[in-house]
């Protein structure tokens, strides 16, 4: 059984920064792709950033240059460093990992950008 636990969300002022973490536990030999998604109230979930096992990254256009995804396979953890946060970044952020072709999701962590 694979479980993902996120941390690092919270309330931040516009222009501020946050770092999200998502750690996996369970019987995991290796993790393929890792990613972060978000869902704002009344909107569909959207991809924020992904990182492949080889380290290739992909970002939603509106976060390019502000968000950075990274991974530490030894710790089975994926990170999302967010800077220059905007009110429109407010959402529940969830991590996603692919293990042996199966997708796993974290429970989500709230990020609120407001003055």
PDB file of N, CA and C in Angstrom:
ATOM      1  N   UNK A   1       0.839  -1.181   0.000  1.00  0.00           N
ATOM      2  CA  UNK A   1       0.000   0.000   0.000  1.00  0.00           C
ATOM      3  C   UNK A   1       0.882   1.243   0.000  1.00  0.00           C
ATOM      4  N   UNK A   2       0.601   2.155  -0.918  1.00  0.00           N
ATOM      5  CA  UNK A   2       1.365   3.388  -1.022  1.00  0.00           C
ATOM      6  C   UNK A   2       0.527   4.533  -0.485  1.00  0.00           C
ATOM      7  N   UNK A   3       1.132   5.348   0.363  1.00  0.00           N
ATOM      8  CA  UNK A   3       0.443   6.525   0.883  1.00  0.00           C
ATOM      9  C   UNK A   3       1.307   7.763   0.637  1.00  0.00           C
ATOM     10  N   UNK A   4       0.633   8.847   0.309  1.00  0.00           N
ATOM     11  CA  UNK A   4       1.316  10.122   0.082  1.00  0.00           C
ATOM     12  C   UNK A   4       0.819  11.134   1.103  1.00  0.00           C
ATOM     13  N   UNK A   5       1.744  11.846   1.721  1.00  0.00           N
ATOM     14  CA  UNK A   5       1.383  12.841   2.718  1.00  0.00           C
ATOM     15  C   UNK A   5       2.028  14.171   2.352  1.00  0.00           C
ATOM     16  N   UNK A   6       1.171  15.172   2.175  1.00  0.00           N
ATOM     17  CA  UNK A   6       1.661  16.506   1.810  1.00  0.00           C
ATOM     18  C   UNK A   6       1.824  17.372   3.049  1.00  0.00           C
ATOM     19  N   UNK A   7       2.652  18.379   2.919  1.00  0.00           N
ATOM     20  CA  UNK A   7       2.821  19.367   3.978  1.00  0.00           C
ATOM     21  C   UNK A   7       3.323  20.664   3.356  1.00  0.00           C
ATOM     22  N   UNK A   8       3.195  21.749   4.115  1.00  0.00           N
ATOM     23  CA  UNK A   8       3.758  23.016   3.676  1.00  0.00           C
ATOM     24  C   UNK A   8       2.768  24.054   3.210  1.00  0.00           C
ATOM     25  N   UNK A   9       1.496  23.712   3.152  1.00  0.00           N
ATOM     26  CA  UNK A   9       0.519  24.700   2.730  1.00  0.00           C
ATOM     27  C   UNK A   9       0.268  25.730   3.815  1.00  0.00           C
ATOM     28  N   UNK A  10      -0.538  26.743   3.484  1.00  0.00           N
ATOM     29  CA  UNK A  10      -0.866  27.756   4.468  1.00  0.00           C
ATOM     30  C   UNK A  10      -1.332  29.043   3.828  1.00  0.00           C
ATOM     31  N   UNK A  11      -1.373  30.071   4.647  1.00  0.00           N
ATOM     32  CA  UNK A  11      -1.797  31.403   4.214  1.00  0.00           C
ATOM     33  C   UNK A  11      -0.556  32.264   3.990  1.00  0.00           C
ATOM     34  N   UNK A  12      -0.500  32.915   2.843  1.00  0.00           N
ATOM     35  CA  UNK A  12       0.645  33.765   2.515  1.00  0.00           C
ATOM     36  C   UNK A  12       0.153  34.990   1.788  1.00  0.00           C
ATOM     37  N   UNK A  13       0.850  36.101   1.958  1.00  0.00           N
ATOM     38  CA  UNK A  13       0.485  37.335   1.276  1.00  0.00           C
ATOM     39  C   UNK A  13       0.930  37.291  -0.186  1.00  0.00           C
ATOM     40  N   UNK A  14       0.276  38.037  -1.031  1.00  0.00           N
ATOM     41  CA  UNK A  14       0.719  38.116  -2.434  1.00  0.00           C
ATOM     42  C   UNK A  14       2.192  38.519  -2.507  1.00  0.00           C
ATOM     43  N   UNK A  15       2.899  37.830  -3.376  1.00  0.00           N
ATOM     44  CA  UNK A  15       4.337  38.048  -3.493  1.00  0.00           C
ATOM     45  C   UNK A  15       5.161  37.157  -2.595  1.00  0.00           C
ATOM     46  N   UNK A  16       4.497  36.430  -1.712  1.00  0.00           N
ATOM     47  CA  UNK A  16       5.199  35.561  -0.782  1.00  0.00           C
ATOM     48  C   UNK A  16       5.583  34.220  -1.383  1.00  0.00           C
ATOM     49  N   UNK A  17       6.161  33.391  -0.528  1.00  0.00           N
ATOM     50  CA  UNK A  17       6.659  32.090  -0.980  1.00  0.00           C
ATOM     51  C   UNK A  17       6.184  30.980  -0.059  1.00  0.00           C
ATOM     52  N   UNK A  18       6.084  29.798  -0.631  1.00  0.00           N
ATOM     53  CA  UNK A  18       5.787  28.581   0.127  1.00  0.00           C
ATOM     54  C   UNK A  18       6.514  27.423  -0.527  1.00  0.00           C
ATOM     55  N   UNK A  19       6.799  26.418   0.283  1.00  0.00           N
ATOM     56  CA  UNK A  19       7.393  25.197  -0.246  1.00  0.00           C
ATOM     57  C   UNK A  19       6.535  24.022   0.196  1.00  0.00           C
ATOM     58  N   UNK A  20       5.991  23.316  -0.768  1.00  0.00           N
ATOM     59  CA  UNK A  20       5.190  22.121  -0.496  1.00  0.00           C
ATOM     60  C   UNK A  20       6.070  20.885  -0.592  1.00  0.00           C
ATOM     61  N   UNK A  21       5.760  19.915   0.264  1.00  0.00           N
ATOM     62  CA  UNK A  21       6.451  18.624   0.234  1.00  0.00           C
ATOM     63  C   UNK A  21       5.423  17.517   0.182  1.00  0.00           C
ATOM     64  N   UNK A  22       5.798  16.425  -0.423  1.00  0.00           N
ATOM     65  CA  UNK A  22       4.922  15.250  -0.487  1.00  0.00           C
ATOM     66  C   UNK A  22       5.808  14.026  -0.365  1.00  0.00           C
ATOM     67  N   UNK A  23       5.618  13.286   0.722  1.00  0.00           N
ATOM     68  CA  UNK A  23       6.431  12.111   0.987  1.00  0.00           C
ATOM     69  C   UNK A  23       5.614  10.841   0.813  1.00  0.00           C
ATOM     70  N   UNK A  24       6.200   9.873   0.155  1.00  0.00           N
ATOM     71  CA  UNK A  24       5.541   8.590  -0.067  1.00  0.00           C
ATOM     72  C   UNK A  24       6.034   7.553   0.931  1.00  0.00           C
ATOM     73  N   UNK A  25       5.133   6.679   1.338  1.00  0.00           N
ATOM     74  CA  UNK A  25       5.508   5.569   2.207  1.00  0.00           C
ATOM     75  C   UNK A  25       4.865   4.301   1.692  1.00  0.00           C
ATOM     76  N   UNK A  26       5.432   3.161   2.082  1.00  0.00           N
ATOM     77  CA  UNK A  26       4.897   1.893   1.616  1.00  0.00           C
ATOM     78  C   UNK A  26       5.952   1.092   0.887  1.00  0.00           C
ATOM     79  N   UNK A  27       5.516   0.013   0.290  1.00  0.00           N
ATOM     80  CA  UNK A  27       6.423  -0.886  -0.413  1.00  0.00           C
ATOM     81  C   UNK A  27       6.706  -0.342  -1.802  1.00  0.00           C
ATOM     82  N   UNK A  28       7.704   0.535  -1.880  1.00  0.00           N
ATOM     83  CA  UNK A  28       8.020   1.215  -3.137  1.00  0.00           C
ATOM     84  C   UNK A  28       9.453   0.927  -3.504  1.00  0.00           C
ATOM     85  N   UNK A  29       9.647   0.383  -4.698  1.00  0.00           N
ATOM     86  CA  UNK A  29      11.011   0.165  -5.176  1.00  0.00           C
ATOM     87  C   UNK A  29      11.499   1.380  -5.943  1.00  0.00           C
ATOM     88  N   UNK A  30      10.645   1.892  -6.792  1.00  0.00           N
ATOM     89  CA  UNK A  30      10.996   3.100  -7.541  1.00  0.00           C
ATOM     90  C   UNK A  30       9.724   3.837  -7.931  1.00  0.00           C
ATOM     91  N   UNK A  31       9.852   5.121  -8.133  1.00  0.00           N
ATOM     92  CA  UNK A  31       8.725   5.971  -8.494  1.00  0.00           C
ATOM     93  C   UNK A  31       8.989   6.554  -9.872  1.00  0.00           C
ATOM     94  N   UNK A  32       8.030   6.475 -10.733  1.00  0.00           N
ATOM     95  CA  UNK A  32       8.171   7.053 -12.065  1.00  0.00           C
ATOM     96  C   UNK A  32       7.895   8.554 -11.990  1.00  0.00           C
ATOM     97  N   UNK A  33       6.852   9.007 -12.630  1.00  0.00           N
ATOM     98  CA  UNK A  33       6.564  10.433 -12.632  1.00  0.00           C
ATOM     99  C   UNK A  33       6.003  10.888 -11.291  1.00  0.00           C
ATOM    100  N   UNK A  34       6.297  12.128 -10.959  1.00  0.00           N
ATOM    101  CA  UNK A  34       5.727  12.790  -9.788  1.00  0.00           C
ATOM    102  C   UNK A  34       5.154  14.109 -10.253  1.00  0.00           C
ATOM    103  N   UNK A  35       4.126  14.578  -9.566  1.00  0.00           N
ATOM    104  CA  UNK A  35       3.546  15.835 -10.003  1.00  0.00           C
ATOM    105  C   UNK A  35       2.736  16.514  -8.927  1.00  0.00           C
ATOM    106  N   UNK A  36       2.413  17.758  -9.228  1.00  0.00           N
ATOM    107  CA  UNK A  36       1.529  18.552  -8.371  1.00  0.00           C
ATOM    108  C   UNK A  36       0.363  19.050  -9.208  1.00  0.00           C
ATOM    109  N   UNK A  37      -0.825  18.956  -8.612  1.00  0.00           N
ATOM    110  CA  UNK A  37      -2.046  19.435  -9.228  1.00  0.00           C
ATOM    111  C   UNK A  37      -2.734  20.364  -8.235  1.00  0.00           C
ATOM    112  N   UNK A  38      -3.661  21.171  -8.727  1.00  0.00           N
ATOM    113  CA  UNK A  38      -4.404  22.032  -7.820  1.00  0.00           C
ATOM    114  C   UNK A  38      -5.846  22.171  -8.270  1.00  0.00           C
ATOM    115  N   UNK A  39      -6.695  22.455  -7.302  1.00  0.00           N
ATOM    116  CA  UNK A  39      -8.108  22.660  -7.590  1.00  0.00           C
ATOM    117  C   UNK A  39      -8.604  23.843  -6.790  1.00  0.00           C
ATOM    118  N   UNK A  40      -9.040  24.867  -7.499  1.00  0.00           N
ATOM    119  CA  UNK A  40      -9.606  26.051  -6.869  1.00  0.00           C
ATOM    120  C   UNK A  40     -11.118  25.849  -6.728  1.00  0.00           C
ATOM    121  N   UNK A  41     -11.752  26.565  -5.801  1.00  0.00           N
ATOM    122  CA  UNK A  41     -13.197  26.415  -5.607  1.00  0.00           C
ATOM    123  C   UNK A  41     -13.965  26.659  -6.903  1.00  0.00           C
ATOM    124  N   UNK A  42     -14.844  25.734  -7.241  1.00  0.00           N
ATOM    125  CA  UNK A  42     -15.672  25.879  -8.422  1.00  0.00           C
ATOM    126  C   UNK A  42     -14.979  25.589  -9.732  1.00  0.00           C
ATOM    127  N   UNK A  43     -13.737  25.122  -9.657  1.00  0.00           N
ATOM    128  CA  UNK A  43     -12.983  24.837 -10.885  1.00  0.00           C
ATOM    129  C   UNK A  43     -12.520  23.393 -10.897  1.00  0.00           C
ATOM    130  N   UNK A  44     -12.152  22.937 -12.089  1.00  0.00           N
ATOM    131  CA  UNK A  44     -11.643  21.576 -12.222  1.00  0.00           C
ATOM    132  C   UNK A  44     -10.182  21.518 -11.768  1.00  0.00           C
ATOM    133  N   UNK A  45      -9.768  20.322 -11.394  1.00  0.00           N
ATOM    134  CA  UNK A  45      -8.369  20.129 -11.025  1.00  0.00           C
ATOM    135  C   UNK A  45      -7.491  20.333 -12.250  1.00  0.00           C
ATOM    136  N   UNK A  46      -6.361  20.978 -12.050  1.00  0.00           N
ATOM    137  CA  UNK A  46      -5.457  21.257 -13.155  1.00  0.00           C
ATOM    138  C   UNK A  46      -4.025  20.888 -12.778  1.00  0.00           C
ATOM    139  N   UNK A  47      -3.277  20.535 -13.818  1.00  0.00           N
ATOM    140  CA  UNK A  47      -1.877  20.194 -13.622  1.00  0.00           C
ATOM    141  C   UNK A  47      -1.077  21.466 -13.343  1.00  0.00           C
ATOM    142  N   UNK A  48      -0.210  21.396 -12.352  1.00  0.00           N
ATOM    143  CA  UNK A  48       0.671  22.520 -12.045  1.00  0.00           C
ATOM    144  C   UNK A  48       2.082  22.241 -12.571  1.00  0.00           C
ATOM    145  N   UNK A  49       2.619  21.068 -12.209  1.00  0.00           N
ATOM    146  CA  UNK A  49       3.968  20.729 -12.625  1.00  0.00           C
ATOM    147  C   UNK A  49       4.182  19.227 -12.491  1.00  0.00           C
ATOM    148  N   UNK A  50       5.011  18.689 -13.362  1.00  0.00           N
ATOM    149  CA  UNK A  50       5.388  17.284 -13.273  1.00  0.00           C
ATOM    150  C   UNK A  50       6.891  17.147 -13.450  1.00  0.00           C
ATOM    151  N   UNK A  51       7.412  16.038 -12.929  1.00  0.00           N
ATOM    152  CA  UNK A  51       8.827  15.744 -13.093  1.00  0.00           C
ATOM    153  C   UNK A  51       8.967  14.249 -13.335  1.00  0.00           C
ATOM    154  N   UNK A  52       9.706  13.917 -14.367  1.00  0.00           N
ATOM    155  CA  UNK A  52       9.872  12.511 -14.711  1.00  0.00           C
ATOM    156  C   UNK A  52      10.971  11.893 -13.852  1.00  0.00           C
ATOM    157  N   UNK A  53      11.103  10.573 -13.976  1.00  0.00           N
ATOM    158  CA  UNK A  53      12.147   9.882 -13.230  1.00  0.00           C
ATOM    159  C   UNK A  53      13.528  10.370 -13.652  1.00  0.00           C
ATOM    160  N   UNK A  54      13.639  10.795 -14.913  1.00  0.00           N
ATOM    161  CA  UNK A  54      14.915  11.302 -15.422  1.00  0.00           C
ATOM    162  C   UNK A  54      15.146  12.762 -15.079  1.00  0.00           C
ATOM    163  N   UNK A  55      14.124  13.398 -14.503  1.00  0.00           N
ATOM    164  CA  UNK A  55      14.294  14.786 -14.099  1.00  0.00           C
ATOM    165  C   UNK A  55      13.741  15.820 -15.061  1.00  0.00           C
ATOM    166  N   UNK A  56      13.065  15.354 -16.104  1.00  0.00           N
ATOM    167  CA  UNK A  56      12.456  16.306 -17.033  1.00  0.00           C
ATOM    168  C   UNK A  56      11.226  16.913 -16.366  1.00  0.00           C
ATOM    169  N   UNK A  57      11.080  18.223 -16.520  1.00  0.00           N
ATOM    170  CA  UNK A  57       9.981  18.932 -15.870  1.00  0.00           C
ATOM    171  C   UNK A  57       9.028  19.551 -16.885  1.00  0.00           C
ATOM    172  N   UNK A  58       7.810  19.737 -16.421  1.00  0.00           N
ATOM    173  CA  UNK A  58       6.772  20.363 -17.249  1.00  0.00           C
ATOM    174  C   UNK A  58       5.929  21.233 -16.330  1.00  0.00           C
ATOM    175  N   UNK A  59       5.589  22.450 -16.791  1.00  0.00           N
ATOM    176  CA  UNK A  59       4.860  23.385 -15.950  1.00  0.00           C
ATOM    177  C   UNK A  59       3.654  23.969 -16.662  1.00  0.00           C
ATOM    178  N   UNK A  60       2.644  24.265 -15.890  1.00  0.00           N
ATOM    179  CA  UNK A  60       1.520  25.062 -16.379  1.00  0.00           C
ATOM    180  C   UNK A  60       2.089  26.437 -16.760  1.00  0.00           C
ATOM    181  N   UNK A  61       1.621  26.999 -17.845  1.00  0.00           N
ATOM    182  CA  UNK A  61       2.192  28.254 -18.334  1.00  0.00           C
ATOM    183  C   UNK A  61       2.181  29.356 -17.290  1.00  0.00           C
ATOM    184  N   UNK A  62       1.115  29.459 -16.533  1.00  0.00           N
ATOM    185  CA  UNK A  62       0.972  30.590 -15.616  1.00  0.00           C
ATOM    186  C   UNK A  62       1.895  30.505 -14.404  1.00  0.00           C
ATOM    187  N   UNK A  63       2.550  29.365 -14.191  1.00  0.00           N
ATOM    188  CA  UNK A  63       3.456  29.246 -13.046  1.00  0.00           C
ATOM    189  C   UNK A  63       4.918  29.190 -13.465  1.00  0.00           C
ATOM    190  N   UNK A  64       5.166  29.153 -14.760  1.00  0.00           N
ATOM    191  CA  UNK A  64       6.556  29.100 -15.227  1.00  0.00           C
ATOM    192  C   UNK A  64       7.340  30.318 -14.732  1.00  0.00           C
ATOM    193  N   UNK A  65       8.537  30.051 -14.240  1.00  0.00           N
ATOM    194  CA  UNK A  65       9.366  31.118 -13.701  1.00  0.00           C
ATOM    195  C   UNK A  65       9.079  31.442 -12.255  1.00  0.00           C
ATOM    196  N   UNK A  66       7.978  30.922 -11.716  1.00  0.00           N
ATOM    197  CA  UNK A  66       7.637  31.185 -10.309  1.00  0.00           C
ATOM    198  C   UNK A  66       7.667  29.906  -9.474  1.00  0.00           C
ATOM    199  N   UNK A  67       7.301  28.795 -10.060  1.00  0.00           N
ATOM    200  CA  UNK A  67       7.264  27.518  -9.342  1.00  0.00           C
ATOM    201  C   UNK A  67       8.383  26.611  -9.842  1.00  0.00           C
ATOM    202  N   UNK A  68       8.937  25.827  -8.928  1.00  0.00           N
ATOM    203  CA  UNK A  68       9.963  24.852  -9.283  1.00  0.00           C
ATOM    204  C   UNK A  68       9.647  23.515  -8.628  1.00  0.00           C
ATOM    205  N   UNK A  69       9.544  22.483  -9.446  1.00  0.00           N
ATOM    206  CA  UNK A  69       9.319  21.143  -8.930  1.00  0.00           C
ATOM    207  C   UNK A  69      10.656  20.410  -8.869  1.00  0.00           C
ATOM    208  N   UNK A  70      10.822  19.615  -7.819  1.00  0.00           N
ATOM    209  CA  UNK A  70      12.041  18.825  -7.674  1.00  0.00           C
ATOM    210  C   UNK A  70      11.698  17.543  -6.936  1.00  0.00           C
ATOM    211  N   UNK A  71      12.599  16.583  -6.976  1.00  0.00           N
ATOM    212  CA  UNK A  71      12.351  15.313  -6.321  1.00  0.00           C
ATOM    213  C   UNK A  71      13.608  14.790  -5.667  1.00  0.00           C
ATOM    214  N   UNK A  72      13.399  14.021  -4.611  1.00  0.00           N
ATOM    215  CA  UNK A  72      14.481  13.341  -3.912  1.00  0.00           C
ATOM    216  C   UNK A  72      14.057  11.887  -3.807  1.00  0.00           C
ATOM    217  N   UNK A  73      14.593  11.056  -4.686  1.00  0.00           N
ATOM    218  CA  UNK A  73      14.150   9.657  -4.733  1.00  0.00           C
ATOM    219  C   UNK A  73      14.575   8.880  -3.491  1.00  0.00           C
ATOM    220  N   UNK A  74      15.682   9.252  -2.894  1.00  0.00           N
ATOM    221  CA  UNK A  74      16.105   8.555  -1.684  1.00  0.00           C
ATOM    222  C   UNK A  74      15.101   8.765  -0.562  1.00  0.00           C
ATOM    223  N   UNK A  75      14.481   9.936  -0.546  1.00  0.00           N
ATOM    224  CA  UNK A  75      13.476  10.246   0.471  1.00  0.00           C
ATOM    225  C   UNK A  75      12.065  10.002  -0.021  1.00  0.00           C
ATOM    226  N   UNK A  76      11.923   9.563  -1.293  1.00  0.00           N
ATOM    227  CA  UNK A  76      10.608   9.323  -1.885  1.00  0.00           C
ATOM    228  C   UNK A  76       9.731  10.563  -1.737  1.00  0.00           C
ATOM    229  N   UNK A  77      10.284  11.692  -2.047  1.00  0.00           N
ATOM    230  CA  UNK A  77       9.613  12.968  -1.809  1.00  0.00           C
ATOM    231  C   UNK A  77       9.680  13.856  -3.047  1.00  0.00           C
ATOM    232  N   UNK A  78       8.588  14.567  -3.276  1.00  0.00           N
ATOM    233  CA  UNK A  78       8.545  15.571  -4.330  1.00  0.00           C
ATOM    234  C   UNK A  78       8.256  16.925  -3.679  1.00  0.00           C
ATOM    235  N   UNK A  79       8.864  17.962  -4.211  1.00  0.00           N
ATOM    236  CA  UNK A  79       8.722  19.296  -3.660  1.00  0.00           C
ATOM    237  C   UNK A  79       8.158  20.254  -4.715  1.00  0.00           C
ATOM    238  N   UNK A  80       7.519  21.309  -4.227  1.00  0.00           N
ATOM    239  CA  UNK A  80       7.094  22.386  -5.111  1.00  0.00           C
ATOM    240  C   UNK A  80       7.446  23.693  -4.417  1.00  0.00           C
ATOM    241  N   UNK A  81       8.465  24.354  -4.926  1.00  0.00           N
ATOM    242  CA  UNK A  81       8.855  25.664  -4.409  1.00  0.00           C
ATOM    243  C   UNK A  81       8.071  26.724  -5.172  1.00  0.00           C
ATOM    244  N   UNK A  82       7.352  27.540  -4.448  1.00  0.00           N
ATOM    245  CA  UNK A  82       6.502  28.553  -5.073  1.00  0.00           C
ATOM    246  C   UNK A  82       6.945  29.927  -4.594  1.00  0.00           C
ATOM    247  N   UNK A  83       7.239  30.823  -5.517  1.00  0.00           N
ATOM    248  CA  UNK A  83       7.589  32.198  -5.191  1.00  0.00           C
ATOM    249  C   UNK A  83       6.667  33.141  -5.945  1.00  0.00           C
ATOM    250  N   UNK A  84       6.709  34.404  -5.558  1.00  0.00           N
ATOM    251  CA  UNK A  84       5.877  35.424  -6.217  1.00  0.00           C
ATOM    252  C   UNK A  84       4.425  34.965  -6.327  1.00  0.00           C
ATOM    253  N   UNK A  85       3.899  34.457  -5.245  1.00  0.00           N
ATOM    254  CA  UNK A  85       2.544  33.906  -5.258  1.00  0.00           C
ATOM    255  C   UNK A  85       1.502  34.979  -5.507  1.00  0.00           C
ATOM    256  N   UNK A  86       0.460  34.581  -6.218  1.00  0.00           N
ATOM    257  CA  UNK A  86      -0.623  35.486  -6.587  1.00  0.00           C
ATOM    258  C   UNK A  86      -1.936  34.961  -6.015  1.00  0.00           C
ATOM    259  N   UNK A  87      -2.926  35.818  -5.820  1.00  0.00           N
ATOM    260  CA  UNK A  87      -4.222  35.348  -5.321  1.00  0.00           C
ATOM    261  C   UNK A  87      -4.812  34.229  -6.179  1.00  0.00           C
ATOM    262  N   UNK A  88      -4.570  34.263  -7.460  1.00  0.00           N
ATOM    263  CA  UNK A  88      -5.107  33.220  -8.343  1.00  0.00           C
ATOM    264  C   UNK A  88      -4.413  31.871  -8.170  1.00  0.00           C
ATOM    265  N   UNK A  89      -3.363  31.814  -7.364  1.00  0.00           N
ATOM    266  CA  UNK A  89      -2.732  30.539  -7.033  1.00  0.00           C
ATOM    267  C   UNK A  89      -3.447  29.832  -5.885  1.00  0.00           C
ATOM    268  N   UNK A  90      -4.412  30.511  -5.285  1.00  0.00           N
ATOM    269  CA  UNK A  90      -5.160  29.912  -4.180  1.00  0.00           C
ATOM    270  C   UNK A  90      -5.897  28.660  -4.640  1.00  0.00           C
ATOM    271  N   UNK A  91      -5.660  27.563  -3.942  1.00  0.00           N
ATOM    272  CA  UNK A  91      -6.260  26.281  -4.312  1.00  0.00           C
ATOM    273  C   UNK A  91      -5.834  25.208  -3.318  1.00  0.00           C
ATOM    274  N   UNK A  92      -6.444  24.048  -3.448  1.00  0.00           N
ATOM    275  CA  UNK A  92      -5.953  22.864  -2.751  1.00  0.00           C
ATOM    276  C   UNK A  92      -4.953  22.177  -3.680  1.00  0.00           C
ATOM    277  N   UNK A  93      -3.753  22.008  -3.194  1.00  0.00           N
ATOM    278  CA  UNK A  93      -2.681  21.405  -3.980  1.00  0.00           C
ATOM    279  C   UNK A  93      -2.516  19.934  -3.578  1.00  0.00           C
ATOM    280  N   UNK A  94      -2.507  19.063  -4.580  1.00  0.00           N
ATOM    281  CA  UNK A  94      -2.376  17.632  -4.330  1.00  0.00           C
ATOM    282  C   UNK A  94      -1.191  17.074  -5.107  1.00  0.00           C
ATOM    283  N   UNK A  95      -0.486  16.152  -4.484  1.00  0.00           N
ATOM    284  CA  UNK A  95       0.619  15.520  -5.190  1.00  0.00           C
ATOM    285  C   UNK A  95       0.161  14.203  -5.793  1.00  0.00           C
ATOM    286  N   UNK A  96       0.904  13.779  -6.782  1.00  0.00           N
ATOM    287  CA  UNK A  96       0.586  12.574  -7.533  1.00  0.00           C
ATOM    288  C   UNK A  96       1.884  11.842  -7.833  1.00  0.00           C
ATOM    289  N   UNK A  97       1.868  10.534  -7.660  1.00  0.00           N
ATOM    290  CA  UNK A  97       3.035   9.728  -8.003  1.00  0.00           C
ATOM    291  C   UNK A  97       2.581   8.488  -8.755  1.00  0.00           C
ATOM    292  N   UNK A  98       3.405   8.072  -9.691  1.00  0.00           N
ATOM    293  CA  UNK A  98       3.121   6.871 -10.470  1.00  0.00           C
ATOM    294  C   UNK A  98       4.111   5.788 -10.054  1.00  0.00           C
ATOM    295  N   UNK A  99       3.560   4.698  -9.517  1.00  0.00           N
ATOM    296  CA  UNK A  99       4.371   3.576  -9.052  1.00  0.00           C
ATOM    297  C   UNK A  99       3.871   2.323  -9.756  1.00  0.00           C
ATOM    298  N   UNK A 100       4.746   1.700 -10.537  1.00  0.00           N
ATOM    299  CA  UNK A 100       4.366   0.502 -11.287  1.00  0.00           C
ATOM    300  C   UNK A 100       3.074   0.718 -12.068  1.00  0.00           C
ATOM    301  N   UNK A 101       2.997   1.819 -12.759  1.00  0.00           N
ATOM    302  CA  UNK A 101       1.864   2.168 -13.638  1.00  0.00           C
ATOM    303  C   UNK A 101       0.582   2.500 -12.877  1.00  0.00           C
ATOM    304  N   UNK A 102       0.629   2.532 -11.560  1.00  0.00           N
ATOM    305  CA  UNK A 102      -0.541   2.905 -10.763  1.00  0.00           C
ATOM    306  C   UNK A 102      -0.346   4.326 -10.236  1.00  0.00           C
ATOM    307  N   UNK A 103      -1.419   5.088 -10.229  1.00  0.00           N
ATOM    308  CA  UNK A 103      -1.360   6.459  -9.734  1.00  0.00           C
ATOM    309  C   UNK A 103      -1.824   6.541  -8.281  1.00  0.00           C
ATOM    310  N   UNK A 104      -1.109   7.330  -7.514  1.00  0.00           N
ATOM    311  CA  UNK A 104      -1.470   7.562  -6.128  1.00  0.00           C
ATOM    312  C   UNK A 104      -1.568   9.064  -5.884  1.00  0.00           C
ATOM    313  N   UNK A 105      -2.486   9.433  -4.984  1.00  0.00           N
ATOM    314  CA  UNK A 105      -2.725  10.833  -4.698  1.00  0.00           C
ATOM    315  C   UNK A 105      -2.593  11.109  -3.214  1.00  0.00           C
ATOM    316  N   UNK A 106      -2.126  12.322  -2.920  1.00  0.00           N
ATOM    317  CA  UNK A 106      -2.140  12.774  -1.542  1.00  0.00           C
ATOM    318  C   UNK A 106      -3.505  13.340  -1.204  1.00  0.00           C
ATOM    319  N   UNK A 107      -3.677  13.710   0.054  1.00  0.00           N
ATOM    320  CA  UNK A 107      -4.976  14.196   0.518  1.00  0.00           C
ATOM    321  C   UNK A 107      -5.201  15.661   0.183  1.00  0.00           C
ATOM    322  N   UNK A 108      -4.143  16.365  -0.167  1.00  0.00           N
ATOM    323  CA  UNK A 108      -4.272  17.767  -0.523  1.00  0.00           C
ATOM    324  C   UNK A 108      -3.889  18.689   0.618  1.00  0.00           C
ATOM    325  N   UNK A 109      -3.328  19.832   0.255  1.00  0.00           N
ATOM    326  CA  UNK A 109      -2.980  20.838   1.245  1.00  0.00           C
ATOM    327  C   UNK A 109      -3.429  22.205   0.714  1.00  0.00           C
ATOM    328  N   UNK A 110      -4.036  22.990   1.578  1.00  0.00           N
ATOM    329  CA  UNK A 110      -4.600  24.271   1.166  1.00  0.00           C
ATOM    330  C   UNK A 110      -3.512  25.341   1.077  1.00  0.00           C
ATOM    331  N   UNK A 111      -3.518  26.045  -0.031  1.00  0.00           N
ATOM    332  CA  UNK A 111      -2.669  27.214  -0.213  1.00  0.00           C
ATOM    333  C   UNK A 111      -3.581  28.404  -0.457  1.00  0.00           C
ATOM    334  N   UNK A 112      -3.474  29.399   0.405  1.00  0.00           N
ATOM    335  CA  UNK A 112      -4.300  30.598   0.276  1.00  0.00           C
ATOM    336  C   UNK A 112      -3.385  31.811   0.167  1.00  0.00           C
ATOM    337  N   UNK A 113      -3.563  32.559  -0.910  1.00  0.00           N
ATOM    338  CA  UNK A 113      -2.764  33.761  -1.140  1.00  0.00           C
ATOM    339  C   UNK A 113      -3.691  34.963  -1.006  1.00  0.00           C
ATOM    340  N   UNK A 114      -3.492  35.706   0.063  1.00  0.00           N
ATOM    341  CA  UNK A 114      -4.403  36.813   0.355  1.00  0.00           C
ATOM    342  C   UNK A 114      -3.729  37.807   1.279  1.00  0.00           C
ATOM    343  N   UNK A 115      -4.106  39.074   1.105  1.00  0.00           N
ATOM    344  CA  UNK A 115      -3.582  40.103   1.997  1.00  0.00           C
ATOM    345  C   UNK A 115      -4.541  40.335   3.157  1.00  0.00           C
TER     346      UNK A 115
END
